[in-house]
N, C-alpha and C. Protein backbone atom coordinates (compact mmCIF):
# COMPACT_ATOMS: atom_id res chain seq x y z
N UNK A 1 51.99 54.71 100.56
CA UNK A 1 53.59 54.62 99.68
C UNK A 1 54.75 55.12 100.72
N UNK A 2 55.69 54.29 100.86
CA UNK A 2 56.96 54.85 101.37
C UNK A 2 57.84 55.82 101.27
N UNK A 3 58.13 56.52 102.29
CA UNK A 3 59.15 57.84 101.98
C UNK A 3 60.21 57.38 100.84
N UNK A 4 60.92 56.63 101.12
CA UNK A 4 61.68 55.92 99.71
C UNK A 4 61.49 56.19 98.50
N UNK A 5 60.20 55.58 98.16
CA UNK A 5 59.50 55.40 96.73
C UNK A 5 59.35 56.96 96.46
N UNK A 6 58.79 57.96 97.36
CA UNK A 6 58.29 58.94 96.97
C UNK A 6 59.80 59.97 96.80
N UNK A 7 60.90 59.57 97.53
CA UNK A 7 62.11 60.10 97.31
C UNK A 7 62.54 59.86 95.94
N UNK A 8 62.42 58.58 95.29
CA UNK A 8 63.05 58.21 94.21
C UNK A 8 62.13 58.80 92.94
N UNK A 9 60.69 58.74 93.20
CA UNK A 9 60.27 59.40 92.00
C UNK A 9 60.43 60.86 92.09
N UNK A 10 60.26 61.72 93.11
CA UNK A 10 60.42 63.09 92.75
C UNK A 10 61.45 63.70 91.75
N UNK A 11 62.97 62.86 92.24
CA UNK A 11 64.13 63.30 91.27
C UNK A 11 63.59 62.90 89.42
N UNK A 12 62.77 61.80 89.80
CA UNK A 12 62.73 61.29 88.32
C UNK A 12 61.73 62.00 87.41
N UNK A 13 60.82 62.72 88.29
CA UNK A 13 59.83 63.80 87.67
C UNK A 13 60.52 65.07 87.32
N UNK A 14 61.25 65.19 87.96
CA UNK A 14 62.23 66.56 87.87
C UNK A 14 63.10 66.73 86.65
N UNK A 15 63.25 65.27 86.31
CA UNK A 15 64.27 64.71 85.29
C UNK A 15 63.68 64.78 84.01
N UNK A 16 62.66 64.27 84.22
CA UNK A 16 61.59 64.45 82.88
C UNK A 16 60.95 65.68 82.55
N UNK A 17 60.72 66.43 83.47
CA UNK A 17 60.45 67.93 83.05
C UNK A 17 61.47 69.08 82.62
N UNK A 18 62.91 68.46 83.04
CA UNK A 18 63.77 69.07 82.36
C UNK A 18 64.07 68.60 81.06
N UNK A 19 63.99 67.68 80.59
CA UNK A 19 63.99 67.38 79.08
C UNK A 19 62.98 67.57 78.32
N UNK A 20 62.02 67.73 78.87
CA UNK A 20 60.81 68.56 78.23
C UNK A 20 60.89 70.13 77.98
N UNK A 21 61.69 70.55 78.91
CA UNK A 21 61.94 72.24 78.70
C UNK A 21 62.96 72.18 77.60
N UNK A 22 63.90 71.40 77.76
CA UNK A 22 65.25 71.36 76.60
C UNK A 22 64.71 71.14 75.47
N UNK A 23 63.58 70.52 75.40
CA UNK A 23 63.06 69.86 73.92
C UNK A 23 62.50 71.23 73.08
N UNK A 24 61.54 71.74 74.25
CA UNK A 24 60.83 72.60 73.73
C UNK A 24 61.77 73.91 73.11
N UNK A 25 62.85 74.22 74.00
CA UNK A 25 63.46 74.93 73.64
C UNK A 25 64.69 74.97 72.32
N UNK A 26 64.78 73.47 72.19
CA UNK A 26 65.47 73.06 70.94
C UNK A 26 64.67 73.61 69.43
N UNK A 27 63.34 73.12 69.85
CA UNK A 27 62.06 73.07 68.78
C UNK A 27 62.28 75.07 68.41
N UNK A 28 62.34 75.92 69.66
CA UNK A 28 62.13 76.89 69.28
C UNK A 28 63.08 77.47 68.28
N UNK A 29 64.40 77.16 68.78
CA UNK A 29 65.88 77.64 68.41
C UNK A 29 65.50 77.56 66.77
N UNK A 30 64.96 76.24 66.59
CA UNK A 30 65.39 75.49 65.28
C UNK A 30 63.85 76.60 64.46
N UNK A 31 62.90 76.90 65.00
CA UNK A 31 61.90 77.67 64.35
C UNK A 31 62.51 79.11 64.23
N UNK A 32 63.13 79.65 65.08
CA UNK A 32 64.00 80.95 64.85
C UNK A 32 64.78 80.91 63.55
N UNK A 33 65.47 79.67 63.69
CA UNK A 33 66.37 79.49 62.51
C UNK A 33 65.80 79.64 61.26
N UNK A 34 64.69 79.05 60.95
CA UNK A 34 64.10 79.05 59.88
C UNK A 34 63.55 80.16 59.41
N UNK A 35 63.03 80.77 60.45
CA UNK A 35 62.28 81.91 59.92
C UNK A 35 63.50 83.08 59.18
N UNK A 36 64.82 83.00 59.64
CA UNK A 36 65.82 83.80 59.51
C UNK A 36 66.18 83.37 58.20
N UNK A 37 66.34 82.26 57.70
CA UNK A 37 66.81 81.87 56.40
C UNK A 37 65.51 82.12 55.27
N UNK A 38 64.29 81.96 55.66
CA UNK A 38 63.39 82.58 54.75
C UNK A 38 63.21 83.90 54.67
N UNK A 39 63.84 84.77 55.75
CA UNK A 39 63.81 86.04 56.09
C UNK A 39 64.82 86.50 54.76
N UNK A 40 66.14 85.78 54.52
CA UNK A 40 67.23 86.28 53.79
C UNK A 40 66.69 85.98 52.60
N UNK A 41 65.99 84.94 52.12
CA UNK A 41 65.54 84.71 50.94
C UNK A 41 64.32 85.94 50.22
N UNK A 42 63.63 86.13 51.60
CA UNK A 42 62.92 87.31 50.89
C UNK A 42 63.24 88.47 50.66
N UNK A 43 64.40 89.02 51.73
CA UNK A 43 65.19 89.95 51.47
C UNK A 43 65.73 90.18 49.79
N UNK A 44 66.39 88.93 49.42
CA UNK A 44 67.13 88.66 48.02
C UNK A 44 65.88 89.02 47.24
N UNK A 45 64.91 88.48 47.18
CA UNK A 45 63.88 88.78 46.12
C UNK A 45 63.37 90.27 45.81
N UNK A 46 63.65 90.82 47.20
CA UNK A 46 62.95 92.16 46.90
C UNK A 46 64.36 93.19 46.24
N UNK A 47 65.58 92.45 45.97
CA UNK A 47 66.65 93.44 45.46
C UNK A 47 66.23 93.57 43.71
N UNK A 48 65.36 92.75 43.09
CA UNK A 48 64.84 92.86 41.90
C UNK A 48 64.42 94.27 41.50
N UNK A 49 63.37 95.00 42.37
CA UNK A 49 63.15 96.34 41.74
C UNK A 49 64.74 97.31 41.43
N UNK A 50 65.43 97.26 42.61
CA UNK A 50 66.53 98.00 42.51
C UNK A 50 67.18 97.88 41.40
N UNK A 51 67.36 96.27 40.93
CA UNK A 51 68.18 95.99 39.58
C UNK A 51 67.37 96.64 38.65
N UNK A 52 66.26 96.91 38.51
CA UNK A 52 65.49 97.14 37.36
C UNK A 52 65.48 98.67 37.22
N UNK A 53 65.90 99.32 38.29
CA UNK A 53 66.10 100.80 38.46
C UNK A 53 67.14 100.85 37.58
N UNK A 54 68.51 100.40 38.33
CA UNK A 54 69.68 100.42 37.56
C UNK A 54 69.62 100.28 35.66
N UNK A 55 68.76 99.24 35.35
CA UNK A 55 68.90 99.14 33.96
C UNK A 55 68.26 100.23 33.31
N UNK A 56 67.69 101.25 34.07
CA UNK A 56 67.18 102.51 33.56
C UNK A 56 68.11 103.57 33.64
N UNK A 57 69.20 103.37 33.97
CA UNK A 57 70.23 104.53 34.07
C UNK A 57 70.86 104.94 33.10
N UNK A 58 71.37 106.43 33.13
CA UNK A 58 71.74 106.93 32.05
C UNK A 58 73.05 106.06 30.95
N UNK A 59 72.26 105.75 29.47
CA UNK A 59 73.89 104.82 29.06
C UNK A 59 75.02 105.62 28.92
N UNK A 60 74.87 107.01 28.99
CA UNK A 60 76.16 107.43 28.52
C UNK A 60 76.19 108.72 29.56
N UNK A 61 77.01 108.49 30.68
CA UNK A 61 76.52 109.22 31.84
C UNK A 61 77.65 110.41 31.44
N UNK A 62 77.66 111.75 32.48
CA UNK A 62 78.37 112.42 31.98
C UNK A 62 78.11 113.65 30.82
N UNK A 63 78.95 114.74 30.76
CA UNK A 63 78.66 115.70 29.71
C UNK A 63 78.55 115.37 28.35
N UNK A 64 78.07 115.87 27.75
CA UNK A 64 78.07 115.86 26.04
C UNK A 64 78.01 116.95 25.41
N UNK A 65 78.52 116.90 24.20
CA UNK A 65 78.16 118.26 23.23
C UNK A 65 77.72 117.68 22.04
N UNK A 66 77.64 118.55 21.04
CA UNK A 66 77.35 118.49 19.80
C UNK A 66 78.14 117.73 18.97
N UNK A 67 79.43 117.26 19.07
CA UNK A 67 80.38 116.17 18.19
C UNK A 67 79.76 114.94 19.00
N UNK A 68 79.28 114.67 20.01
CA UNK A 68 79.11 113.49 20.44
C UNK A 68 77.69 113.09 19.76
N UNK A 69 76.62 113.77 19.82
CA UNK A 69 75.62 113.99 18.88
C UNK A 69 75.52 113.52 17.67
N UNK A 70 76.43 114.56 17.09
CA UNK A 70 76.69 114.30 15.47
C UNK A 70 77.10 112.75 15.36
N UNK A 71 78.29 112.40 16.09
CA UNK A 71 78.73 111.00 15.95
C UNK A 71 77.74 109.98 16.02
N UNK A 72 76.76 110.11 17.11
CA UNK A 72 75.73 108.95 17.24
C UNK A 72 74.69 109.04 16.12
N UNK A 73 74.60 110.20 15.69
CA UNK A 73 73.36 110.42 14.66
C UNK A 73 74.19 109.95 13.38
N UNK A 74 75.40 110.23 13.00
CA UNK A 74 75.91 109.89 11.53
C UNK A 74 76.26 108.19 11.75
N UNK A 75 76.76 107.71 12.78
CA UNK A 75 77.13 106.22 12.99
C UNK A 75 76.37 105.40 12.95
N UNK A 76 74.99 105.66 12.99
CA UNK A 76 74.12 104.73 13.10
C UNK A 76 73.49 104.28 11.72
N UNK A 77 73.37 105.30 10.82
CA UNK A 77 72.76 104.78 9.80
C UNK A 77 74.43 104.17 8.77
N UNK A 78 75.75 104.78 9.22
CA UNK A 78 76.63 103.93 8.69
C UNK A 78 76.55 102.40 9.28
N UNK A 79 76.30 102.21 10.54
CA UNK A 79 76.55 100.86 10.67
C UNK A 79 75.24 100.39 10.50
N UNK A 80 74.07 100.80 9.86
CA UNK A 80 73.04 100.08 9.35
C UNK A 80 73.26 99.81 8.11
N UNK A 81 73.97 100.35 7.31
CA UNK A 81 74.45 99.91 6.02
C UNK A 81 75.28 98.90 6.12
N UNK A 82 76.48 98.81 6.89
CA UNK A 82 77.39 97.76 7.16
C UNK A 82 76.75 96.64 7.67
N UNK A 83 75.76 96.64 8.41
CA UNK A 83 75.02 95.51 8.80
C UNK A 83 74.14 94.76 7.34
N UNK A 84 73.48 95.84 6.91
CA UNK A 84 72.92 95.21 5.34
C UNK A 84 73.80 94.82 4.43
N UNK A 85 75.13 95.39 4.41
CA UNK A 85 75.92 94.49 3.54
C UNK A 85 76.30 93.16 3.90
N UNK A 86 76.55 93.36 5.11
CA UNK A 86 77.14 91.91 6.04
C UNK A 86 75.93 90.67 5.72
N UNK A 87 74.64 90.87 5.61
CA UNK A 87 73.62 90.06 5.56
C UNK A 87 73.73 89.56 4.31
N UNK A 88 74.27 90.19 3.25
CA UNK A 88 73.78 89.92 1.96
C UNK A 88 74.84 88.94 1.44
N UNK A 89 75.76 88.63 2.63
CA UNK A 89 76.83 87.39 2.55
C UNK A 89 76.29 86.06 2.50
N UNK A 90 75.04 86.17 3.08
CA UNK A 90 74.35 84.75 3.36
C UNK A 90 73.77 84.47 1.90
N UNK A 91 74.26 83.30 1.22
CA UNK A 91 73.87 82.76 -0.11
C UNK A 91 74.57 83.33 -1.21
N UNK A 92 75.17 84.15 -1.00
CA UNK A 92 76.47 85.08 -1.71
C UNK A 92 77.53 84.32 -1.88
N UNK A 93 78.13 84.86 -0.83
CA UNK A 93 79.50 84.59 -0.67
C UNK A 93 80.19 83.11 -0.59
N UNK A 94 81.28 82.90 -1.31
CA UNK A 94 81.85 81.58 -1.41
C UNK A 94 83.04 81.25 -0.40
N UNK A 95 83.62 82.44 0.01
CA UNK A 95 84.74 82.45 0.71
C UNK A 95 84.57 82.36 2.37
N UNK A 96 85.00 81.28 2.42
CA UNK A 96 84.93 81.33 4.16
C UNK A 96 85.23 82.35 5.08
N UNK A 97 86.44 83.07 5.03
CA UNK A 97 86.90 84.29 5.74
C UNK A 97 85.68 85.59 5.17
N UNK A 98 85.43 85.35 4.26
CA UNK A 98 84.07 86.64 3.87
C UNK A 98 83.05 86.49 4.90
N UNK A 99 82.65 85.00 4.69
CA UNK A 99 81.49 84.83 5.68
C UNK A 99 81.65 85.25 6.94
N UNK A 100 82.85 84.52 7.60
CA UNK A 100 83.22 84.85 9.05
C UNK A 100 83.23 86.37 9.19
N UNK A 101 83.85 87.07 8.52
CA UNK A 101 83.85 88.35 8.65
C UNK A 101 82.58 88.78 8.53
N UNK A 102 81.71 88.73 7.89
CA UNK A 102 80.39 89.21 7.47
C UNK A 102 79.40 89.12 8.94
N UNK A 103 79.76 87.78 9.38
CA UNK A 103 79.06 87.33 10.57
C UNK A 103 79.30 88.45 11.91
N UNK A 104 80.94 88.60 11.97
CA UNK A 104 81.45 89.42 12.79
C UNK A 104 80.83 90.60 12.90
N UNK A 105 80.58 91.43 11.69
CA UNK A 105 80.27 92.75 11.49
C UNK A 105 78.94 92.78 11.94
N UNK A 106 78.33 91.84 11.44
CA UNK A 106 76.64 91.97 12.04
C UNK A 106 76.46 91.77 13.37
N UNK A 107 77.33 91.12 14.08
CA UNK A 107 77.10 91.00 15.45
C UNK A 107 77.67 92.05 16.18
N UNK A 108 78.58 92.51 15.61
CA UNK A 108 78.98 93.78 16.53
C UNK A 108 78.47 94.89 16.60
N UNK A 109 78.24 95.62 14.92
CA UNK A 109 77.51 96.86 14.80
C UNK A 109 75.83 96.73 14.94
N UNK A 110 75.52 95.76 15.03
CA UNK A 110 73.75 95.49 15.66
C UNK A 110 73.75 96.30 16.85
N UNK A 111 74.33 95.36 17.71
CA UNK A 111 74.10 95.92 19.28
C UNK A 111 74.65 97.43 19.44
N UNK A 112 75.92 98.06 18.67
CA UNK A 112 76.01 99.26 18.68
C UNK A 112 74.99 100.31 18.30
N UNK A 113 74.24 99.98 17.43
CA UNK A 113 73.25 100.74 17.06
C UNK A 113 72.01 100.99 18.02
N UNK A 114 71.74 99.80 18.81
CA UNK A 114 71.16 100.01 19.69
C UNK A 114 71.44 100.79 20.92
N UNK A 115 72.83 100.57 21.20
CA UNK A 115 73.26 101.56 22.33
C UNK A 115 73.54 103.10 21.89
N UNK A 116 73.80 103.39 20.55
CA UNK A 116 73.84 104.87 20.27
C UNK A 116 72.83 105.34 20.48
N UNK A 117 71.42 104.53 20.03
CA UNK A 117 70.11 105.36 19.93
C UNK A 117 69.53 105.73 21.38
N UNK A 118 70.22 104.79 22.38
CA UNK A 118 69.84 105.08 23.52
C UNK A 118 70.58 106.38 24.19
N UNK A 119 71.86 106.51 23.84
CA UNK A 119 72.29 107.70 24.36
C UNK A 119 71.59 109.12 23.38
N UNK A 120 71.13 108.88 22.44
CA UNK A 120 70.60 110.25 21.69
C UNK A 120 69.22 110.01 22.68
N UNK A 121 68.74 109.25 22.98
CA UNK A 121 67.37 109.21 23.76
C UNK A 121 67.55 110.05 25.17
N UNK A 122 68.74 109.36 25.77
CA UNK A 122 69.20 110.13 27.14
C UNK A 122 69.30 111.57 26.89
N UNK A 123 70.37 111.96 25.58
CA UNK A 123 70.49 113.21 25.51
C UNK A 123 69.84 114.31 25.28
N UNK A 124 68.49 113.80 24.62
CA UNK A 124 67.26 114.11 24.45
C UNK A 124 67.59 114.99 22.94
N UNK A 125 68.21 114.24 22.08
CA UNK A 125 68.37 114.56 20.69
C UNK A 125 67.57 113.71 19.89
N UNK A 126 67.57 114.06 18.70
CA UNK A 126 66.70 113.24 17.63
C UNK A 126 67.39 112.02 17.19
N UNK A 127 66.81 111.12 16.88
CA UNK A 127 67.37 109.71 16.36
C UNK A 127 68.28 110.05 15.07
N UNK A 128 68.13 110.92 14.38
CA UNK A 128 68.47 111.02 13.24
C UNK A 128 69.06 112.53 12.73
N UNK A 129 69.91 112.84 11.94
CA UNK A 129 70.18 114.35 11.60
C UNK A 129 69.39 114.26 10.28
N UNK A 130 69.53 115.51 9.48
CA UNK A 130 69.41 115.54 8.00
C UNK A 130 70.26 114.77 7.24
N UNK A 131 71.30 114.33 7.20
CA UNK A 131 72.01 113.37 6.33
C UNK A 131 71.92 112.09 6.80
N UNK A 132 70.86 111.55 7.78
CA UNK A 132 70.67 110.17 8.18
C UNK A 132 69.39 109.72 7.92
N UNK A 133 68.61 110.84 7.26
CA UNK A 133 67.30 110.45 6.82
C UNK A 133 67.19 109.72 5.67
N UNK A 134 66.17 108.82 5.60
CA UNK A 134 65.82 107.74 4.63
C UNK A 134 65.78 108.30 3.50
N UNK A 135 65.98 107.97 2.08
CA UNK A 135 65.60 108.34 0.78
C UNK A 135 67.06 109.02 0.71
N UNK A 136 67.90 109.37 1.53
CA UNK A 136 69.06 110.29 1.19
C UNK A 136 70.20 109.24 0.54
N UNK A 137 70.48 109.84 -0.81
CA UNK A 137 71.63 108.89 -1.45
C UNK A 137 73.11 109.12 -0.99
N UNK A 138 73.51 108.73 -0.37
CA UNK A 138 75.11 108.74 -0.11
C UNK A 138 76.02 108.00 -0.32
N UNK A 139 76.77 108.90 -1.39
CA UNK A 139 78.04 107.96 -2.38
C UNK A 139 78.72 107.64 -1.61
N UNK A 140 79.91 106.93 -1.96
CA UNK A 140 81.22 106.74 -1.28
C UNK A 140 82.10 107.71 -0.97
N UNK A 141 81.53 108.99 -1.93
CA UNK A 141 82.50 110.24 -1.60
C UNK A 141 82.34 110.56 0.01
N UNK A 142 81.33 110.42 0.55
CA UNK A 142 81.20 110.68 1.89
C UNK A 142 80.54 112.22 2.14
N UNK A 143 79.48 112.39 1.40
CA UNK A 143 78.85 113.88 1.75
C UNK A 143 78.01 113.70 2.96
N UNK A 144 77.92 115.14 3.39
CA UNK A 144 77.49 115.35 4.72
C UNK A 144 78.14 114.57 5.98
N UNK A 145 78.93 114.61 6.16
CA UNK A 145 79.84 113.91 7.18
C UNK A 145 79.61 112.10 6.97
N UNK A 146 79.22 111.64 5.96
CA UNK A 146 78.87 110.49 6.12
C UNK A 146 80.29 109.91 5.34
N UNK A 147 81.31 109.82 5.44
CA UNK A 147 82.32 109.01 5.04
C UNK A 147 82.35 107.66 4.58
N UNK A 148 82.34 107.01 3.36
CA UNK A 148 82.27 105.95 3.45
C UNK A 148 81.12 104.98 3.34
N UNK A 149 80.11 105.96 2.99
CA UNK A 149 78.87 105.59 2.82
C UNK A 149 78.62 104.96 1.07
N UNK A 150 77.93 103.68 0.87
CA UNK A 150 77.60 103.46 -0.27
C UNK A 150 76.30 104.01 -0.96
N UNK A 151 76.48 104.09 -2.60
CA UNK A 151 75.55 104.50 -3.04
C UNK A 151 74.50 103.57 -3.32
N UNK A 152 73.24 103.81 -3.68
CA UNK A 152 72.12 102.82 -4.04
C UNK A 152 72.68 102.01 -5.22
N UNK A 153 73.38 102.37 -6.05
CA UNK A 153 74.03 101.86 -7.02
C UNK A 153 74.94 100.72 -6.63
N UNK A 154 75.93 101.19 -5.75
CA UNK A 154 76.92 100.22 -5.26
C UNK A 154 76.21 99.15 -4.44
N UNK A 155 74.83 99.34 -3.79
CA UNK A 155 74.42 98.13 -3.05
C UNK A 155 73.77 97.49 -4.03
N UNK A 156 73.11 97.69 -4.89
CA UNK A 156 72.60 96.80 -6.05
C UNK A 156 73.61 96.52 -6.77
N UNK A 157 74.78 96.62 -7.03
CA UNK A 157 75.76 95.65 -7.51
C UNK A 157 76.25 94.86 -6.97
N UNK A 158 76.15 95.24 -5.69
CA UNK A 158 76.69 94.06 -4.43
C UNK A 158 75.92 92.88 -4.27
N UNK A 159 74.33 93.39 -4.43
CA UNK A 159 73.29 92.55 -4.40
C UNK A 159 73.33 91.65 -5.39
N UNK A 160 73.75 91.89 -6.74
CA UNK A 160 73.63 90.94 -7.94
C UNK A 160 74.89 90.32 -8.26
N UNK A 161 75.83 90.70 -7.23
CA UNK A 161 77.30 89.78 -7.29
C UNK A 161 77.21 88.26 -6.68
N UNK A 162 77.68 87.26 -6.96
CA UNK A 162 77.92 86.25 -6.23
C UNK A 162 79.03 85.51 -6.36
N UNK A 163 79.49 84.49 -5.70
CA UNK A 163 80.79 83.53 -5.37
C UNK A 163 81.98 84.52 -5.25
N UNK A 164 82.79 84.19 -6.08
CA UNK A 164 84.16 85.22 -5.78
C UNK A 164 84.06 86.69 -6.53
N UNK A 165 83.13 86.70 -7.23
CA UNK A 165 82.87 88.23 -7.42
C UNK A 165 81.90 89.00 -6.18
N UNK A 166 81.25 88.38 -5.54
CA UNK A 166 80.78 88.94 -4.18
C UNK A 166 81.82 88.87 -3.12
N UNK A 167 82.78 87.97 -3.17
CA UNK A 167 83.70 88.26 -2.18
C UNK A 167 84.53 89.37 -2.36
N UNK A 168 85.10 89.63 -3.68
CA UNK A 168 85.66 90.72 -3.96
C UNK A 168 84.96 91.96 -3.87
N UNK A 169 83.99 92.08 -4.50
CA UNK A 169 83.27 93.25 -4.23
C UNK A 169 82.94 93.67 -2.92
N UNK A 170 82.58 92.83 -1.87
CA UNK A 170 82.18 92.89 -0.65
C UNK A 170 83.52 93.56 0.20
N UNK A 171 84.39 92.85 -0.06
CA UNK A 171 85.97 93.17 0.75
C UNK A 171 86.28 94.87 0.18
N UNK A 172 86.24 95.06 -1.28
CA UNK A 172 86.41 96.41 -1.48
C UNK A 172 85.52 97.44 -1.17
N UNK A 173 84.41 97.24 -0.84
CA UNK A 173 83.44 97.90 -0.43
C UNK A 173 83.27 98.19 0.98
N UNK A 174 83.41 97.03 1.77
CA UNK A 174 83.72 97.01 3.34
C UNK A 174 85.13 98.02 3.44
N UNK A 175 85.86 97.64 2.85
CA UNK A 175 87.24 98.37 3.36
C UNK A 175 86.85 100.11 3.18
N UNK A 176 86.38 100.77 2.12
CA UNK A 176 85.73 101.97 2.06
C UNK A 176 84.98 102.41 3.26
N UNK A 177 83.81 101.48 3.26
CA UNK A 177 83.06 101.60 4.30
C UNK A 177 83.43 101.74 5.57
N UNK A 178 84.82 100.80 6.05
CA UNK A 178 85.15 100.99 7.30
C UNK A 178 86.00 102.05 7.45
N UNK A 179 86.70 102.54 6.48
CA UNK A 179 87.53 103.56 6.88
C UNK A 179 87.05 105.03 6.81
N UNK A 180 85.70 104.86 6.20
CA UNK A 180 84.76 106.08 6.47
C UNK A 180 84.56 106.08 8.29
N UNK A 181 84.14 104.92 8.43
CA UNK A 181 83.68 104.59 10.04
C UNK A 181 85.06 105.20 11.08
N UNK A 182 86.26 104.94 10.69
CA UNK A 182 87.38 104.97 11.40
C UNK A 182 87.61 106.72 11.17
N UNK A 183 87.47 106.99 10.35
CA UNK A 183 87.48 108.71 10.25
C UNK A 183 86.43 109.54 11.10
N UNK A 184 85.19 109.13 11.00
CA UNK A 184 84.27 109.59 11.87
C UNK A 184 84.57 109.10 13.34
N UNK A 185 85.20 108.12 13.63
CA UNK A 185 85.21 107.99 14.84
C UNK A 185 86.72 108.92 15.39
N UNK A 186 87.61 109.11 14.56
CA UNK A 186 88.48 109.69 15.04
C UNK A 186 88.02 111.07 15.36
N UNK A 187 87.09 111.81 14.44
CA UNK A 187 86.61 113.07 14.78
C UNK A 187 86.05 113.14 16.08
N UNK A 188 85.45 111.92 16.57
CA UNK A 188 84.63 111.84 17.79
C UNK A 188 85.78 112.08 19.07
N UNK A 189 86.72 111.51 18.65
CA UNK A 189 87.74 111.11 19.83
C UNK A 189 88.69 112.75 19.94
N UNK A 190 88.57 113.55 18.63
CA UNK A 190 89.06 114.59 19.03
C UNK A 190 88.31 115.83 19.58
N UNK A 191 87.06 115.66 18.98
CA UNK A 191 86.23 116.84 19.15
C UNK A 191 84.91 116.62 20.27
N UNK A 192 84.78 115.02 20.64
CA UNK A 192 83.81 114.91 21.70
C UNK A 192 84.22 115.01 23.09
N UNK A 193 82.81 114.98 23.61
CA UNK A 193 83.15 115.15 25.33
C UNK A 193 82.72 114.15 25.96
N UNK A 194 81.62 113.15 26.05
CA UNK A 194 81.30 112.19 26.46
C UNK A 194 82.17 111.01 26.51
N UNK A 195 82.58 110.72 27.56
CA UNK A 195 83.74 109.59 27.88
C UNK A 195 83.04 107.96 27.16
N UNK A 196 81.79 107.54 27.34
CA UNK A 196 81.52 106.41 26.93
C UNK A 196 81.27 106.32 25.22
N UNK A 197 81.06 107.69 24.63
CA UNK A 197 80.95 107.84 23.33
C UNK A 197 82.24 107.70 22.74
N UNK A 198 83.07 108.42 23.34
CA UNK A 198 84.56 108.24 22.92
C UNK A 198 85.43 107.05 23.10
N UNK A 199 85.06 106.36 24.10
CA UNK A 199 85.19 104.84 24.37
C UNK A 199 84.98 104.24 22.92
N UNK A 200 83.61 104.33 22.66
CA UNK A 200 83.11 103.20 21.17
C UNK A 200 83.82 103.79 19.87
N UNK A 201 84.11 104.99 19.79
CA UNK A 201 85.06 105.50 18.96
C UNK A 201 86.29 104.99 18.97
N UNK A 202 86.97 104.70 20.03
CA UNK A 202 88.27 103.94 20.16
C UNK A 202 87.91 102.31 19.97
N UNK A 203 86.88 101.88 20.36
CA UNK A 203 86.55 100.63 19.66
C UNK A 203 86.49 100.39 18.13
N UNK A 204 85.98 101.39 17.86
CA UNK A 204 85.60 101.35 16.39
C UNK A 204 87.02 101.46 15.69
N UNK A 205 87.73 102.32 15.93
CA UNK A 205 89.13 102.45 15.40
C UNK A 205 89.80 101.13 15.61
N UNK A 206 89.88 100.46 16.79
CA UNK A 206 90.58 99.22 16.87
C UNK A 206 90.19 97.93 15.98
N UNK A 207 88.72 97.84 16.21
CA UNK A 207 88.13 96.78 15.46
C UNK A 207 88.31 96.97 13.90
N UNK A 208 87.77 98.24 13.61
CA UNK A 208 87.60 98.09 12.15
C UNK A 208 88.89 98.37 11.18
N UNK A 209 90.05 98.79 11.95
CA UNK A 209 91.14 98.78 11.59
C UNK A 209 91.85 97.53 11.35
N UNK A 210 91.76 96.72 12.32
CA UNK A 210 92.20 95.22 12.40
C UNK A 210 91.16 94.55 11.06
N UNK A 211 89.77 94.89 10.97
CA UNK A 211 89.26 94.16 9.59
C UNK A 211 89.63 94.59 8.51
N UNK A 212 90.03 95.74 8.29
CA UNK A 212 90.50 96.52 7.02
C UNK A 212 91.97 95.55 6.70
N UNK A 213 92.74 95.43 7.62
CA UNK A 213 94.02 94.98 7.35
C UNK A 213 93.59 93.23 7.03
N UNK A 214 92.78 92.79 7.45
CA UNK A 214 92.13 90.98 7.19
C UNK A 214 91.69 91.03 5.77
N UNK A 215 90.54 92.33 5.52
CA UNK A 215 90.00 92.31 4.20
C UNK A 215 91.23 92.52 3.06
N UNK A 216 92.36 93.03 3.45
CA UNK A 216 93.35 93.55 2.45
C UNK A 216 93.99 92.33 2.11
N UNK A 217 94.22 91.30 2.81
CA UNK A 217 94.79 90.01 2.60
C UNK A 217 93.87 88.94 2.08
N UNK A 218 92.86 89.30 2.35
CA UNK A 218 92.01 88.52 1.76
C UNK A 218 91.94 88.65 0.07
N UNK A 219 91.71 89.95 -0.39
CA UNK A 219 91.85 90.56 -1.56
C UNK A 219 93.02 90.36 -2.25
N UNK A 220 94.45 90.36 -1.53
CA UNK A 220 95.35 89.60 -2.05
C UNK A 220 95.48 88.22 -2.57
N UNK A 221 94.61 87.12 -2.05
CA UNK A 221 94.66 86.10 -2.18
C UNK A 221 93.39 85.72 -3.33
N UNK A 222 92.35 86.32 -3.26
CA UNK A 222 91.35 86.26 -4.18
C UNK A 222 91.61 86.70 -5.82
């Protein structure tokens, strides 16, 4: 082989070797980049346990007092009766606004019952007090701090009503029931200590006052 041929081949071999090195480097960088994305996905999936821990946090953080406990213990059965009354509208009510209002009451107060039960558990308090025990007959006179509760006879009469008769009776009874809840919520705002409980009390006052006004308008046209 001539010296000219050797001179030409050596640079060519060097160039080919350089290309091979660059290609290997590119593959290595690509592999590293792929590992980084996988790692990021992996780190994202490990955040689930911390999210689960957050879900077990105190539902009503901060200090609380006896007024807060009484508010939750009393409002739970109060809400339960409102939900029971609202469910009776299905198949009995004839007025569209009454049906809509009953559905809204059930939708709002059902989750609030769950919330207040969680408060009591976090506070280490029983789920109900003496006046909230099943079998106690609390009339609309509001015994034991349960203002606005319907008696067993009230509930029986409501179950027996249909059509416009149900609509009128439902509105009349729910106005009294809501006014009782508003009174209890105002007591909580005056005497309670826990910020979360007082916030819910404020929501009860606002929302149920608006519903009372709406039901009064319904009664005016029935």
